[in-house]
PDB file of N, CA and C in Angstrom:
ATOM      1  N   MET A   1       0.829  -1.189   0.000  1.00  0.00           N
ATOM      2  CA  MET A   1       0.000   0.000   0.000  1.00  0.00           C
ATOM      3  C   MET A   1       0.875   1.254   0.000  1.00  0.00           C
ATOM      4  N   GLN A   2       1.948   1.239   0.711  1.00  0.00           N
ATOM      5  CA  GLN A   2       2.864   2.380   0.759  1.00  0.00           C
ATOM      6  C   GLN A   2       3.481   2.626  -0.616  1.00  0.00           C
ATOM      7  N   THR A   3       3.787   1.531  -1.332  1.00  0.00           N
ATOM      8  CA  THR A   3       4.409   1.667  -2.649  1.00  0.00           C
ATOM      9  C   THR A   3       3.465   2.371  -3.621  1.00  0.00           C
ATOM     10  N   THR A   4       2.183   2.030  -3.585  1.00  0.00           N
ATOM     11  CA  THR A   4       1.214   2.665  -4.475  1.00  0.00           C
ATOM     12  C   THR A   4       1.135   4.163  -4.202  1.00  0.00           C
ATOM     13  N   HIS A   5       1.103   4.520  -2.931  1.00  0.00           N
ATOM     14  CA  HIS A   5       1.056   5.936  -2.559  1.00  0.00           C
ATOM     15  C   HIS A   5       2.305   6.658  -3.055  1.00  0.00           C
ATOM     16  N   THR A   6       3.453   6.007  -2.906  1.00  0.00           N
ATOM     17  CA  THR A   6       4.713   6.616  -3.316  1.00  0.00           C
ATOM     18  C   THR A   6       4.770   6.770  -4.834  1.00  0.00           C
ATOM     19  N   LYS A   7       4.268   5.780  -5.580  1.00  0.00           N
ATOM     20  CA  LYS A   7       4.240   5.883  -7.041  1.00  0.00           C
ATOM     21  C   LYS A   7       3.339   7.033  -7.475  1.00  0.00           C
ATOM     22  N   ALA A   8       2.213   7.172  -6.812  1.00  0.00           N
ATOM     23  CA  ALA A   8       1.303   8.276  -7.140  1.00  0.00           C
ATOM     24  C   ALA A   8       1.969   9.616  -6.842  1.00  0.00           C
ATOM     25  N   GLN A   9       2.680   9.677  -5.729  1.00  0.00           N
ATOM     26  CA  GLN A   9       3.388  10.906  -5.362  1.00  0.00           C
ATOM     27  C   GLN A   9       4.479  11.200  -6.392  1.00  0.00           C
ATOM     28  N   PHE A  10       5.186  10.162  -6.810  1.00  0.00           N
ATOM     29  CA  PHE A  10       6.217  10.312  -7.839  1.00  0.00           C
ATOM     30  C   PHE A  10       5.603  10.855  -9.129  1.00  0.00           C
ATOM     31  N   ASN A  11       4.458  10.316  -9.524  1.00  0.00           N
ATOM     32  CA  ASN A  11       3.796  10.773 -10.749  1.00  0.00           C
ATOM     33  C   ASN A  11       3.369  12.231 -10.645  1.00  0.00           C
ATOM     34  N   ARG A  12       2.847  12.633  -9.485  1.00  0.00           N
ATOM     35  CA  ARG A  12       2.445  14.033  -9.310  1.00  0.00           C
ATOM     36  C   ARG A  12       3.648  14.965  -9.404  1.00  0.00           C
ATOM     37  N   TRP A  13       4.748  14.577  -8.761  1.00  0.00           N
ATOM     38  CA  TRP A  13       5.955  15.413  -8.805  1.00  0.00           C
ATOM     39  C   TRP A  13       6.505  15.490 -10.221  1.00  0.00           C
ATOM     40  N   SER A  14       6.554  14.338 -10.905  1.00  0.00           N
ATOM     41  CA  SER A  14       7.117  14.349 -12.259  1.00  0.00           C
ATOM     42  C   SER A  14       6.265  15.199 -13.188  1.00  0.00           C
ATOM     43  N   GLN A  15       4.954  15.156 -13.002  1.00  0.00           N
ATOM     44  CA  GLN A  15       4.073  15.972 -13.829  1.00  0.00           C
ATOM     45  C   GLN A  15       4.275  17.462 -13.536  1.00  0.00           C
ATOM     46  N   ALA A  16       4.445  17.810 -12.276  1.00  0.00           N
ATOM     47  CA  ALA A  16       4.635  19.210 -11.901  1.00  0.00           C
ATOM     48  C   ALA A  16       5.971  19.748 -12.399  1.00  0.00           C
ATOM     49  N   LEU A  17       6.980  18.888 -12.473  1.00  0.00           N
ATOM     50  CA  LEU A  17       8.322  19.337 -12.844  1.00  0.00           C
ATOM     51  C   LEU A  17       8.607  19.262 -14.339  1.00  0.00           C
ATOM     52  N   GLN A  18       7.676  18.730 -15.126  1.00  0.00           N
ATOM     53  CA  GLN A  18       7.921  18.542 -16.555  1.00  0.00           C
ATOM     54  C   GLN A  18       8.161  19.847 -17.298  1.00  0.00           C
ATOM     55  N   GLU A  19       7.613  20.930 -16.817  1.00  0.00           N
ATOM     56  CA  GLU A  19       7.784  22.195 -17.533  1.00  0.00           C
ATOM     57  C   GLU A  19       9.155  22.819 -17.311  1.00  0.00           C
ATOM     58  N   TYR A  20       9.940  22.261 -16.391  1.00  0.00           N
ATOM     59  CA  TYR A  20      11.270  22.789 -16.104  1.00  0.00           C
ATOM     60  C   TYR A  20      12.343  21.926 -16.753  1.00  0.00           C
ATOM     61  N   GLU A  21      13.456  22.553 -17.091  1.00  0.00           N
ATOM     62  CA  GLU A  21      14.587  21.815 -17.635  1.00  0.00           C
ATOM     63  C   GLU A  21      15.650  21.736 -16.544  1.00  0.00           C
ATOM     64  N   PHE A  22      16.003  20.519 -16.157  1.00  0.00           N
ATOM     65  CA  PHE A  22      16.969  20.345 -15.075  1.00  0.00           C
ATOM     66  C   PHE A  22      17.705  19.025 -15.245  1.00  0.00           C
ATOM     67  N   ASP A  23      18.821  18.900 -14.562  1.00  0.00           N
ATOM     68  CA  ASP A  23      19.606  17.670 -14.558  1.00  0.00           C
ATOM     69  C   ASP A  23      19.535  17.051 -13.173  1.00  0.00           C
ATOM     70  N   ILE A  24      19.448  15.736 -13.143  1.00  0.00           N
ATOM     71  CA  ILE A  24      19.449  15.007 -11.878  1.00  0.00           C
ATOM     72  C   ILE A  24      20.862  14.498 -11.648  1.00  0.00           C
ATOM     73  N   VAL A  25      21.425  14.828 -10.504  1.00  0.00           N
ATOM     74  CA  VAL A  25      22.805  14.458 -10.187  1.00  0.00           C
ATOM     75  C   VAL A  25      22.796  13.486  -9.013  1.00  0.00           C
ATOM     76  N   TYR A  26      23.483  12.369  -9.179  1.00  0.00           N
ATOM     77  CA  TYR A  26      23.574  11.365  -8.129  1.00  0.00           C
ATOM     78  C   TYR A  26      24.608  11.783  -7.097  1.00  0.00           C
ATOM     79  N   LYS A  27      24.240  11.714  -5.820  1.00  0.00           N
ATOM     80  CA  LYS A  27      25.164  11.998  -4.723  1.00  0.00           C
ATOM     81  C   LYS A  27      25.214  10.771  -3.826  1.00  0.00           C
ATOM     82  N   ALA A  28      26.380  10.221  -3.672  1.00  0.00           N
ATOM     83  CA  ALA A  28      26.518   9.007  -2.867  1.00  0.00           C
ATOM     84  C   ALA A  28      26.968   9.335  -1.451  1.00  0.00           C
ATOM     85  N   GLY A  29      26.684   8.418  -0.555  1.00  0.00           N
ATOM     86  CA  GLY A  29      27.230   8.492   0.793  1.00  0.00           C
ATOM     87  C   GLY A  29      26.618   9.544   1.687  1.00  0.00           C
ATOM     88  N   PRO A  30      27.406  10.039   2.653  1.00  0.00           N
ATOM     89  CA  PRO A  30      26.875  10.948   3.676  1.00  0.00           C
ATOM     90  C   PRO A  30      26.468  12.322   3.136  1.00  0.00           C
ATOM     91  N   THR A  31      26.903  12.678   1.934  1.00  0.00           N
ATOM     92  CA  THR A  31      26.504  13.976   1.374  1.00  0.00           C
ATOM     93  C   THR A  31      25.086  13.939   0.817  1.00  0.00           C
ATOM     94  N   ASN A  32      24.530  12.745   0.721  1.00  0.00           N
ATOM     95  CA  ASN A  32      23.203  12.589   0.141  1.00  0.00           C
ATOM     96  C   ASN A  32      22.137  12.711   1.223  1.00  0.00           C
ATOM     97  N   LYS A  33      21.365  13.768   1.179  1.00  0.00           N
ATOM     98  CA  LYS A  33      20.228  13.945   2.084  1.00  0.00           C
ATOM     99  C   LYS A  33      18.972  13.560   1.302  1.00  0.00           C
ATOM    100  N   ALA A  34      18.718  12.264   1.215  1.00  0.00           N
ATOM    101  CA  ALA A  34      17.655  11.756   0.353  1.00  0.00           C
ATOM    102  C   ALA A  34      16.288  11.865   1.008  1.00  0.00           C
ATOM    103  N   ASP A  35      15.293  12.184   0.193  1.00  0.00           N
ATOM    104  CA  ASP A  35      13.918  12.133   0.669  1.00  0.00           C
ATOM    105  C   ASP A  35      13.336  10.774   0.284  1.00  0.00           C
ATOM    106  N   SER A  36      12.072  10.557   0.579  1.00  0.00           N
ATOM    107  CA  SER A  36      11.481   9.242   0.324  1.00  0.00           C
ATOM    108  C   SER A  36      11.437   8.904  -1.164  1.00  0.00           C
ATOM    109  N   LEU A  37      11.261   9.892  -2.028  1.00  0.00           N
ATOM    110  CA  LEU A  37      11.247   9.603  -3.461  1.00  0.00           C
ATOM    111  C   LEU A  37      12.627   9.215  -3.965  1.00  0.00           C
ATOM    112  N   SER A  38      13.658   9.810  -3.407  1.00  0.00           N
ATOM    113  CA  SER A  38      15.014   9.502  -3.843  1.00  0.00           C
ATOM    114  C   SER A  38      15.439   8.110  -3.416  1.00  0.00           C
ATOM    115  N   ARG A  39      14.810   7.569  -2.397  1.00  0.00           N
ATOM    116  CA  ARG A  39      15.189   6.252  -1.894  1.00  0.00           C
ATOM    117  C   ARG A  39      14.529   5.123  -2.667  1.00  0.00           C
ATOM    118  N   LEU A  40      13.593   5.439  -3.534  1.00  0.00           N
ATOM    119  CA  LEU A  40      12.929   4.403  -4.310  1.00  0.00           C
ATOM    120  C   LEU A  40      13.909   3.740  -5.262  1.00  0.00           C
ATOM    121  N   LEU A  41      13.701   2.450  -5.478  1.00  0.00           N
ATOM    122  CA  LEU A  41      14.494   1.769  -6.489  1.00  0.00           C
ATOM    123  C   LEU A  41      14.053   2.283  -7.854  1.00  0.00           C
ATOM    124  N   PRO A  42      14.964   2.372  -8.803  1.00  0.00           N
ATOM    125  CA  PRO A  42      14.568   2.868 -10.129  1.00  0.00           C
ATOM    126  C   PRO A  42      13.564   1.923 -10.782  1.00  0.00           C
ATOM    127  N   LEU A  43      12.538   2.491 -11.370  1.00  0.00           N
ATOM    128  CA  LEU A  43      11.548   1.700 -12.080  1.00  0.00           C
ATOM    129  C   LEU A  43      12.051   1.448 -13.493  1.00  0.00           C
ATOM    130  N   GLU A  44      11.859   0.234 -13.953  1.00  0.00           N
ATOM    131  CA  GLU A  44      12.321  -0.091 -15.299  1.00  0.00           C
ATOM    132  C   GLU A  44      11.274   0.341 -16.323  1.00  0.00           C
ATOM    133  N   ASN A  45      11.746   0.767 -17.446  1.00  0.00           N
ATOM    134  CA  ASN A  45      10.897   1.135 -18.585  1.00  0.00           C
ATOM    135  C   ASN A  45       9.845   2.185 -18.232  1.00  0.00           C
ATOM    136  N   VAL A  46      10.203   3.132 -17.423  1.00  0.00           N
ATOM    137  CA  VAL A  46       9.271   4.202 -17.078  1.00  0.00           C
ATOM    138  C   VAL A  46       9.312   5.250 -18.181  1.00  0.00           C
ATOM    139  N   LYS A  47       8.148   5.571 -18.667  1.00  0.00           N
ATOM    140  CA  LYS A  47       8.055   6.595 -19.703  1.00  0.00           C
ATOM    141  C   LYS A  47       7.300   7.770 -19.102  1.00  0.00           C
ATOM    142  N   ILE A  48       8.025   8.599 -18.393  1.00  0.00           N
ATOM    143  CA  ILE A  48       7.413   9.698 -17.652  1.00  0.00           C
ATOM    144  C   ILE A  48       6.768  10.702 -18.595  1.00  0.00           C
ATOM    145  N   ASN A  49       7.420  11.009 -19.662  1.00  0.00           N
ATOM    146  CA  ASN A  49       6.936  12.070 -20.541  1.00  0.00           C
ATOM    147  C   ASN A  49       5.978  11.576 -21.614  1.00  0.00           C
ATOM    148  N   LEU A  50       5.625  10.294 -21.596  1.00  0.00           N
ATOM    149  CA  LEU A  50       4.768   9.758 -22.639  1.00  0.00           C
ATOM    150  C   LEU A  50       3.407  10.446 -22.656  1.00  0.00           C
ATOM    151  N   LEU A  51       2.760  10.512 -21.505  1.00  0.00           N
ATOM    152  CA  LEU A  51       1.453  11.148 -21.433  1.00  0.00           C
ATOM    153  C   LEU A  51       1.554  12.622 -21.775  1.00  0.00           C
ATOM    154  N   SER A  52       2.564  13.263 -21.243  1.00  0.00           N
ATOM    155  CA  SER A  52       2.731  14.687 -21.491  1.00  0.00           C
ATOM    156  C   SER A  52       2.943  14.966 -22.975  1.00  0.00           C
ATOM    157  N   SER A  53       3.719  14.133 -23.656  1.00  0.00           N
ATOM    158  CA  SER A  53       3.950  14.366 -25.082  1.00  0.00           C
ATOM    159  C   SER A  53       2.678  14.138 -25.883  1.00  0.00           C
ATOM    160  N   LYS A  54       1.866  13.159 -25.452  1.00  0.00           N
ATOM    161  CA  LYS A  54       0.598  12.942 -26.148  1.00  0.00           C
ATOM    162  C   LYS A  54      -0.338  14.127 -25.931  1.00  0.00           C
ATOM    163  N   LEU A  55      -0.346  14.666 -24.723  1.00  0.00           N
ATOM    164  CA  LEU A  55      -1.192  15.823 -24.448  1.00  0.00           C
ATOM    165  C   LEU A  55      -0.716  17.046 -25.217  1.00  0.00           C
ATOM    166  N   MET A  56       0.597  17.213 -25.344  1.00  0.00           N
ATOM    167  CA  MET A  56       1.123  18.354 -26.080  1.00  0.00           C
ATOM    168  C   MET A  56       0.711  18.272 -27.546  1.00  0.00           C
ATOM    169  N   LYS A  57       0.698  17.068 -28.109  1.00  0.00           N
ATOM    170  CA  LYS A  57       0.277  16.910 -29.495  1.00  0.00           C
ATOM    171  C   LYS A  57      -1.192  17.271 -29.654  1.00  0.00           C
ATOM    172  N   LEU A  58      -1.986  17.010 -28.619  1.00  0.00           N
ATOM    173  CA  LEU A  58      -3.404  17.312 -28.679  1.00  0.00           C
ATOM    174  C   LEU A  58      -3.650  18.814 -28.768  1.00  0.00           C
ATOM    175  N   HIS A  59      -2.782  19.622 -28.174  1.00  0.00           N
ATOM    176  CA  HIS A  59      -2.948  21.077 -28.222  1.00  0.00           C
ATOM    177  C   HIS A  59      -2.854  21.608 -29.653  1.00  0.00           C
ATOM    178  N   ASP A  60      -2.184  20.883 -30.533  1.00  0.00           N
ATOM    179  CA  ASP A  60      -2.052  21.322 -31.919  1.00  0.00           C
ATOM    180  C   ASP A  60      -3.324  21.067 -32.727  1.00  0.00           C
ATOM    181  N   TRP A  61      -4.247  20.314 -32.172  1.00  0.00           N
ATOM    182  CA  TRP A  61      -5.446  19.940 -32.902  1.00  0.00           C
ATOM    183  C   TRP A  61      -6.507  21.027 -32.777  1.00  0.00           C
ATOM    184  N   ASN A  62      -7.275  21.188 -33.847  1.00  0.00           N
ATOM    185  CA  ASN A  62      -8.430  22.068 -33.768  1.00  0.00           C
ATOM    186  C   ASN A  62      -9.693  21.205 -33.766  1.00  0.00           C
ATOM    187  N   ILE A  63     -10.840  21.822 -33.635  1.00  0.00           N
ATOM    188  CA  ILE A  63     -12.102  21.085 -33.523  1.00  0.00           C
ATOM    189  C   ILE A  63     -12.349  20.214 -34.751  1.00  0.00           C
ATOM    190  N   GLU A  64     -12.048  20.736 -35.917  1.00  0.00           N
ATOM    191  CA  GLU A  64     -12.299  19.980 -37.152  1.00  0.00           C
ATOM    192  C   GLU A  64     -11.432  18.717 -37.215  1.00  0.00           C
ATOM    193  N   ARG A  65     -10.186  18.830 -36.827  1.00  0.00           N
ATOM    194  CA  ARG A  65      -9.298  17.650 -36.830  1.00  0.00           C
ATOM    195  C   ARG A  65      -9.770  16.613 -35.818  1.00  0.00           C
ATOM    196  N   ILE A  66     -10.256  17.070 -34.676  1.00  0.00           N
ATOM    197  CA  ILE A  66     -10.776  16.135 -33.671  1.00  0.00           C
ATOM    198  C   ILE A  66     -12.024  15.443 -34.210  1.00  0.00           C
ATOM    199  N   ARG A  67     -12.915  16.205 -34.861  1.00  0.00           N
ATOM    200  CA  ARG A  67     -14.125  15.624 -35.444  1.00  0.00           C
ATOM    201  C   ARG A  67     -13.764  14.575 -36.496  1.00  0.00           C
ATOM    202  N   GLU A  68     -12.811  14.878 -37.358  1.00  0.00           N
ATOM    203  CA  GLU A  68     -12.394  13.922 -38.389  1.00  0.00           C
ATOM    204  C   GLU A  68     -11.811  12.657 -37.764  1.00  0.00           C
ATOM    205  N   ALA A  69     -11.012  12.825 -36.721  1.00  0.00           N
ATOM    206  CA  ALA A  69     -10.417  11.666 -36.052  1.00  0.00           C
ATOM    207  C   ALA A  69     -11.491  10.810 -35.393  1.00  0.00           C
ATOM    208  N   GLN A  70     -12.491  11.442 -34.795  1.00  0.00           N
ATOM    209  CA  GLN A  70     -13.575  10.689 -34.168  1.00  0.00           C
ATOM    210  C   GLN A  70     -14.377   9.925 -35.213  1.00  0.00           C
ATOM    211  N   GLN A  71     -14.653  10.554 -36.348  1.00  0.00           N
ATOM    212  CA  GLN A  71     -15.448   9.904 -37.381  1.00  0.00           C
ATOM    213  C   GLN A  71     -14.676   8.803 -38.095  1.00  0.00           C
ATOM    214  N   SER A  72     -13.357   8.869 -38.075  1.00  0.00           N
ATOM    215  CA  SER A  72     -12.575   7.806 -38.709  1.00  0.00           C
ATOM    216  C   SER A  72     -12.437   6.587 -37.796  1.00  0.00           C
ATOM    217  N   ASP A  73     -12.726   6.754 -36.510  1.00  0.00           N
ATOM    218  CA  ASP A  73     -12.699   5.631 -35.577  1.00  0.00           C
ATOM    219  C   ASP A  73     -14.006   4.852 -35.734  1.00  0.00           C
ATOM    220  N   PRO A  74     -13.949   3.541 -36.057  1.00  0.00           N
ATOM    221  CA  PRO A  74     -15.176   2.776 -36.328  1.00  0.00           C
ATOM    222  C   PRO A  74     -16.160   2.766 -35.153  1.00  0.00           C
ATOM    223  N   LYS A  75     -15.675   2.613 -33.954  1.00  0.00           N
ATOM    224  CA  LYS A  75     -16.576   2.552 -32.797  1.00  0.00           C
ATOM    225  C   LYS A  75     -17.221   3.911 -32.533  1.00  0.00           C
ATOM    226  N   LEU A  76     -16.411   4.968 -32.569  1.00  0.00           N
ATOM    227  CA  LEU A  76     -16.957   6.305 -32.335  1.00  0.00           C
ATOM    228  C   LEU A  76     -17.888   6.733 -33.464  1.00  0.00           C
ATOM    229  N   ALA A  77     -17.574   6.364 -34.697  1.00  0.00           N
ATOM    230  CA  ALA A  77     -18.424   6.730 -35.833  1.00  0.00           C
ATOM    231  C   ALA A  77     -19.814   6.126 -35.669  1.00  0.00           C
ATOM    232  N   GLU A  78     -19.871   4.901 -35.171  1.00  0.00           N
ATOM    233  CA  GLU A  78     -21.161   4.243 -34.948  1.00  0.00           C
ATOM    234  C   GLU A  78     -21.965   4.971 -33.866  1.00  0.00           C
ATOM    235  N   ILE A  79     -21.311   5.365 -32.801  1.00  0.00           N
ATOM    236  CA  ILE A  79     -21.977   6.097 -31.717  1.00  0.00           C
ATOM    237  C   ILE A  79     -22.461   7.456 -32.217  1.00  0.00           C
ATOM    238  N   ILE A  80     -21.627   8.147 -32.983  1.00  0.00           N
ATOM    239  CA  ILE A  80     -21.994   9.462 -33.519  1.00  0.00           C
ATOM    240  C   ILE A  80     -23.211   9.339 -34.431  1.00  0.00           C
ATOM    241  N   LYS A  81     -23.240   8.279 -35.245  1.00  0.00           N
ATOM    242  CA  LYS A  81     -24.359   8.070 -36.158  1.00  0.00           C
ATOM    243  C   LYS A  81     -25.669   7.897 -35.380  1.00  0.00           C
ATOM    244  N   VAL A  82     -25.632   7.125 -34.297  1.00  0.00           N
ATOM    245  CA  VAL A  82     -26.828   6.918 -33.467  1.00  0.00           C
ATOM    246  C   VAL A  82     -27.252   8.228 -32.809  1.00  0.00           C
ATOM    247  N   LEU A  83     -26.289   8.991 -32.301  1.00  0.00           N
ATOM    248  CA  LEU A  83     -26.605  10.255 -31.630  1.00  0.00           C
ATOM    249  C   LEU A  83     -27.152  11.298 -32.599  1.00  0.00           C
ATOM    250  N   ASP A  84     -26.708  11.267 -33.849  1.00  0.00           N
ATOM    251  CA  ASP A  84     -27.192  12.227 -34.848  1.00  0.00           C
ATOM    252  C   ASP A  84     -28.660  12.001 -35.208  1.00  0.00           C
ATOM    253  N   LYS A  85     -29.165  10.783 -34.988  1.00  0.00           N
ATOM    254  CA  LYS A  85     -30.560  10.474 -35.316  1.00  0.00           C
ATOM    255  C   LYS A  85     -31.537  11.145 -34.358  1.00  0.00           C
ATOM    256  N   GLY A  86     -31.068  11.542 -33.207  1.00  0.00           N
ATOM    257  CA  GLY A  86     -31.950  12.192 -32.230  1.00  0.00           C
ATOM    258  C   GLY A  86     -31.816  11.531 -30.874  1.00  0.00           C
ATOM    259  N   PRO A  87     -32.761  11.845 -29.972  1.00  0.00           N
ATOM    260  CA  PRO A  87     -32.676  11.294 -28.621  1.00  0.00           C
ATOM    261  C   PRO A  87     -32.786   9.768 -28.632  1.00  0.00           C
ATOM    262  N   ILE A  88     -32.100   9.163 -27.721  1.00  0.00           N
ATOM    263  CA  ILE A  88     -32.107   7.705 -27.614  1.00  0.00           C
ATOM    264  C   ILE A  88     -33.281   7.307 -26.722  1.00  0.00           C
ATOM    265  N   PRO A  89     -34.205   6.484 -27.253  1.00  0.00           N
ATOM    266  CA  PRO A  89     -35.320   6.052 -26.410  1.00  0.00           C
ATOM    267  C   PRO A  89     -34.815   5.063 -25.358  1.00  0.00           C
ATOM    268  N   PHE A  90     -35.311   5.206 -24.169  1.00  0.00           N
ATOM    269  CA  PHE A  90     -34.937   4.255 -23.128  1.00  0.00           C
ATOM    270  C   PHE A  90     -36.143   4.018 -22.236  1.00  0.00           C
ATOM    271  N   LYS A  91     -36.164   2.863 -21.634  1.00  0.00           N
ATOM    272  CA  LYS A  91     -37.250   2.531 -20.725  1.00  0.00           C
ATOM    273  C   LYS A  91     -36.838   2.910 -19.320  1.00  0.00           C
ATOM    274  N   SER A  92     -37.723   3.596 -18.668  1.00  0.00           N
ATOM    275  CA  SER A  92     -37.477   3.940 -17.277  1.00  0.00           C
ATOM    276  C   SER A  92     -37.803   2.725 -16.423  1.00  0.00           C
ATOM    277  N   ARG A  93     -37.041   2.516 -15.407  1.00  0.00           N
ATOM    278  CA  ARG A  93     -37.350   1.382 -14.538  1.00  0.00           C
ATOM    279  C   ARG A  93     -38.601   1.668 -13.708  1.00  0.00           C
ATOM    280  N   PHE A  94     -39.054   2.911 -13.744  1.00  0.00           N
ATOM    281  CA  PHE A  94     -40.274   3.288 -13.034  1.00  0.00           C
ATOM    282  C   PHE A  94     -41.459   3.426 -13.996  1.00  0.00           C
ATOM    283  N   GLU A  95     -41.295   2.979 -15.238  1.00  0.00           N
ATOM    284  CA  GLU A  95     -42.310   3.177 -16.264  1.00  0.00           C
ATOM    285  C   GLU A  95     -43.661   2.599 -15.866  1.00  0.00           C
ATOM    286  N   LYS A  96     -43.686   1.463 -15.183  1.00  0.00           N
ATOM    287  CA  LYS A  96     -44.958   0.835 -14.825  1.00  0.00           C
ATOM    288  C   LYS A  96     -45.763   1.693 -13.850  1.00  0.00           C
ATOM    289  N   TRP A  97     -45.102   2.639 -13.159  1.00  0.00           N
ATOM    290  CA  TRP A  97     -45.806   3.512 -12.228  1.00  0.00           C
ATOM    291  C   TRP A  97     -46.108   4.883 -12.833  1.00  0.00           C
ATOM    292  N   ASP A  98     -45.662   5.140 -14.054  1.00  0.00           N
ATOM    293  CA  ASP A  98     -45.874   6.451 -14.672  1.00  0.00           C
ATOM    294  C   ASP A  98     -47.355   6.789 -14.853  1.00  0.00           C
ATOM    295  N   THR A  99     -48.207   5.793 -15.012  1.00  0.00           N
ATOM    296  CA  THR A  99     -49.634   6.043 -15.246  1.00  0.00           C
ATOM    297  C   THR A  99     -50.379   6.444 -13.983  1.00  0.00           C
ATOM    298  N   PHE A 100     -49.771   6.353 -12.836  1.00  0.00           N
ATOM    299  CA  PHE A 100     -50.446   6.667 -11.582  1.00  0.00           C
ATOM    300  C   PHE A 100     -50.558   8.157 -11.314  1.00  0.00           C
ATOM    301  N   TYR A 101     -49.829   8.973 -12.000  1.00  0.00           N
ATOM    302  CA  TYR A 101     -49.933  10.401 -11.710  1.00  0.00           C
ATOM    303  C   TYR A 101     -50.164  11.224 -12.925  1.00  0.00           C
TER     304      TYR A 101
END
């Protein structure tokens, strides 16, 4: 449970620091005043900037490009087609009591 909390904390810090350019320097021995994040074992294959780079690419998109991308997706195109027809009829679970009032 502690590890999950620490990973979440690591993710929040990495997201907050992404806008800055800095170098991480290793300090060994008694000169190292490590905090809890620094004491973590290195995670393998961590792609910290993956989400951020995908989000940055999204900022370049305009509404028309997003609409085209949604319509080219087979699953989303089907949903859009149904929604364009009008309101979706649904049965209320209280329908049998609707006639009482």
